[in-house]
Every structure is written in structure tokens, then in C-alpha cells.
Amino acid sequence: MSWWPRARSSGGSYGRCGLTEPDLYVILRQHGVASLSSVRYVIFESKGAVSVVTRNHPVGDVTHHGLRQAPPA
């Protein structure tokens, strides 16, 4: 599992998770993201799932648990 904040995604850190930039955009569209500026975190889960946390989404215990499980990519 790894995660990266939106600000780091432009540097290609998602590539360490085996994702390309087009892959990331597909995932964001599938999560209903219309603008990169609305993305707070993208969490690449250990089984290959991807969680997208937007800026208007409250960051609670479940999100914090996911962020604590792995260092930033």
C-alpha cells in the first residue's frame, strides 16, 4: 500500500505503484473526479484497489488508518 498527496502526483510518484499517468486519470474519472484540484490523496491499496480522497471529503479514522499503513510513494 502506498499513497501520495495530489501535489506529488505531478512528479510521477504513482509510477512506483506500477501506474502510468493515463491509468491515474482513468481511476480519477471512475471515482467521479472532475478536477485535479479537488483531490486530496490517492491511496494505492495493497490488493491493487485505489482510494481517492477529495478535498471536500472528511478525513476520519478510516482514512487516517489507510494513510498510516504505508509511507508516501
C-alpha atoms as a PDB file:
ATOM      1  CA  MET A   1       0.000   0.000   0.000  1.00  0.00           C
ATOM      2  CA  SER A   2       1.199   3.500  -0.704  1.00  0.00           C
ATOM      3  CA  TRP A   3      -0.287   6.944  -1.062  1.00  0.00           C
ATOM      4  CA  TRP A   4       0.546  10.282  -2.475  1.00  0.00           C
ATOM      5  CA  PRO A   5      -0.935  13.705  -1.965  1.00  0.00           C
ATOM      6  CA  ARG A   6      -2.301  15.437  -5.053  1.00  0.00           C
ATOM      7  CA  ALA A   7       0.641  17.875  -5.121  1.00  0.00           C
ATOM      8  CA  ARG A   8       3.101  14.992  -5.585  1.00  0.00           C
ATOM      9  CA  SER A   9       1.180  13.250  -8.353  1.00  0.00           C
ATOM     10  CA  SER A  10       2.546  15.640 -10.960  1.00  0.00           C
ATOM     11  CA  GLY A  11       6.026  14.273 -10.255  1.00  0.00           C
ATOM     12  CA  GLY A  12       5.076  10.761 -11.370  1.00  0.00           C
ATOM     13  CA  SER A  13       5.357   9.114  -7.937  1.00  0.00           C
ATOM     14  CA  TYR A  14       2.350   6.971  -8.896  1.00  0.00           C
ATOM     15  CA  GLY A  15       4.726   5.185 -11.290  1.00  0.00           C
ATOM     16  CA  ARG A  16       6.303   3.438  -8.303  1.00  0.00           C
ATOM     17  CA  CYS A  17       2.952   1.698  -7.876  1.00  0.00           C
ATOM     18  CA  GLY A  18       3.018   0.486 -11.466  1.00  0.00           C
ATOM     19  CA  LEU A  19       0.580   3.128 -12.690  1.00  0.00           C
ATOM     20  CA  THR A  20       1.011   5.413 -15.663  1.00  0.00           C
ATOM     21  CA  GLU A  21      -0.395   8.929 -15.809  1.00  0.00           C
ATOM     22  CA  PRO A  22      -3.210   7.770 -18.147  1.00  0.00           C
ATOM     23  CA  ASP A  23      -4.006   4.965 -15.648  1.00  0.00           C
ATOM     24  CA  LEU A  24      -4.276   7.531 -12.869  1.00  0.00           C
ATOM     25  CA  TYR A  25      -6.623   9.719 -14.917  1.00  0.00           C
ATOM     26  CA  VAL A  26      -8.859   6.707 -15.637  1.00  0.00           C
ATOM     27  CA  ILE A  27      -9.011   5.910 -11.914  1.00  0.00           C
ATOM     28  CA  LEU A  28      -9.831   9.517 -11.048  1.00  0.00           C
ATOM     29  CA  ARG A  29     -12.626   9.630 -13.638  1.00  0.00           C
ATOM     30  CA  GLN A  30     -14.023   6.334 -12.299  1.00  0.00           C
ATOM     31  CA  HIS A  31     -14.170   7.986  -8.866  1.00  0.00           C
ATOM     32  CA  GLY A  32     -16.087  10.938 -10.271  1.00  0.00           C
ATOM     33  CA  VAL A  33     -13.203  13.412 -10.079  1.00  0.00           C
ATOM     34  CA  ALA A  34     -13.718  16.307 -12.475  1.00  0.00           C
ATOM     35  CA  SER A  35     -10.697  18.389 -11.452  1.00  0.00           C
ATOM     36  CA  LEU A  36      -7.280  17.516 -10.041  1.00  0.00           C
ATOM     37  CA  SER A  37      -7.590  20.443  -7.657  1.00  0.00           C
ATOM     38  CA  SER A  38     -10.368  18.550  -5.840  1.00  0.00           C
ATOM     39  CA  VAL A  39      -8.070  15.587  -4.981  1.00  0.00           C
ATOM     40  CA  ARG A  40      -6.507  15.456  -1.521  1.00  0.00           C
ATOM     41  CA  TYR A  41      -4.969  11.957  -1.554  1.00  0.00           C
ATOM     42  CA  VAL A  42      -4.843   8.896  -3.767  1.00  0.00           C
ATOM     43  CA  ILE A  43      -4.260   5.692  -1.794  1.00  0.00           C
ATOM     44  CA  PHE A  44      -2.992   2.616  -3.645  1.00  0.00           C
ATOM     45  CA  GLU A  45      -4.200  -0.280  -1.506  1.00  0.00           C
ATOM     46  CA  SER A  46      -2.201  -3.485  -1.003  1.00  0.00           C
ATOM     47  CA  LYS A  47      -4.579  -5.638  -3.092  1.00  0.00           C
ATOM     48  CA  GLY A  48      -4.498  -3.248  -6.048  1.00  0.00           C
ATOM     49  CA  ALA A  49      -7.574  -1.177  -5.273  1.00  0.00           C
ATOM     50  CA  VAL A  50      -7.265   2.601  -5.365  1.00  0.00           C
ATOM     51  CA  SER A  51      -8.994   5.005  -2.979  1.00  0.00           C
ATOM     52  CA  VAL A  52      -9.407   8.652  -3.873  1.00  0.00           C
ATOM     53  CA  VAL A  53      -9.934  11.155  -1.061  1.00  0.00           C
ATOM     54  CA  THR A  54     -11.191  14.509  -2.266  1.00  0.00           C
ATOM     55  CA  ARG A  55     -10.790  17.853  -0.527  1.00  0.00           C
ATOM     56  CA  ASN A  56     -14.492  18.010   0.357  1.00  0.00           C
ATOM     57  CA  HIS A  57     -14.382  14.513   1.913  1.00  0.00           C
ATOM     58  CA  PRO A  58     -13.906  14.493   5.681  1.00  0.00           C
ATOM     59  CA  VAL A  59     -10.695  12.759   6.726  1.00  0.00           C
ATOM     60  CA  GLY A  60     -11.719  10.486   9.574  1.00  0.00           C
ATOM     61  CA  ASP A  61     -10.422   7.380  11.321  1.00  0.00           C
ATOM     62  CA  VAL A  62     -10.741   5.108   8.276  1.00  0.00           C
ATOM     63  CA  THR A  63      -8.750   7.445   6.031  1.00  0.00           C
ATOM     64  CA  HIS A  64      -6.123   8.080   8.702  1.00  0.00           C
ATOM     65  CA  HIS A  65      -5.727   4.318   9.164  1.00  0.00           C
ATOM     66  CA  GLY A  66      -5.067   3.908   5.429  1.00  0.00           C
ATOM     67  CA  LEU A  67      -2.543   6.740   5.445  1.00  0.00           C
ATOM     68  CA  ARG A  68      -0.692   5.307   8.458  1.00  0.00           C
ATOM     69  CA  GLN A  69      -0.356   1.878   6.835  1.00  0.00           C
ATOM     70  CA  ALA A  70       2.182   2.972   4.248  1.00  0.00           C
ATOM     71  CA  PRO A  71       4.694   5.718   3.576  1.00  0.00           C
ATOM     72  CA  PRO A  72       4.125   8.196   0.761  1.00  0.00           C
ATOM     73  CA  ALA A  73       5.094   6.896  -2.681  1.00  0.00           C
END
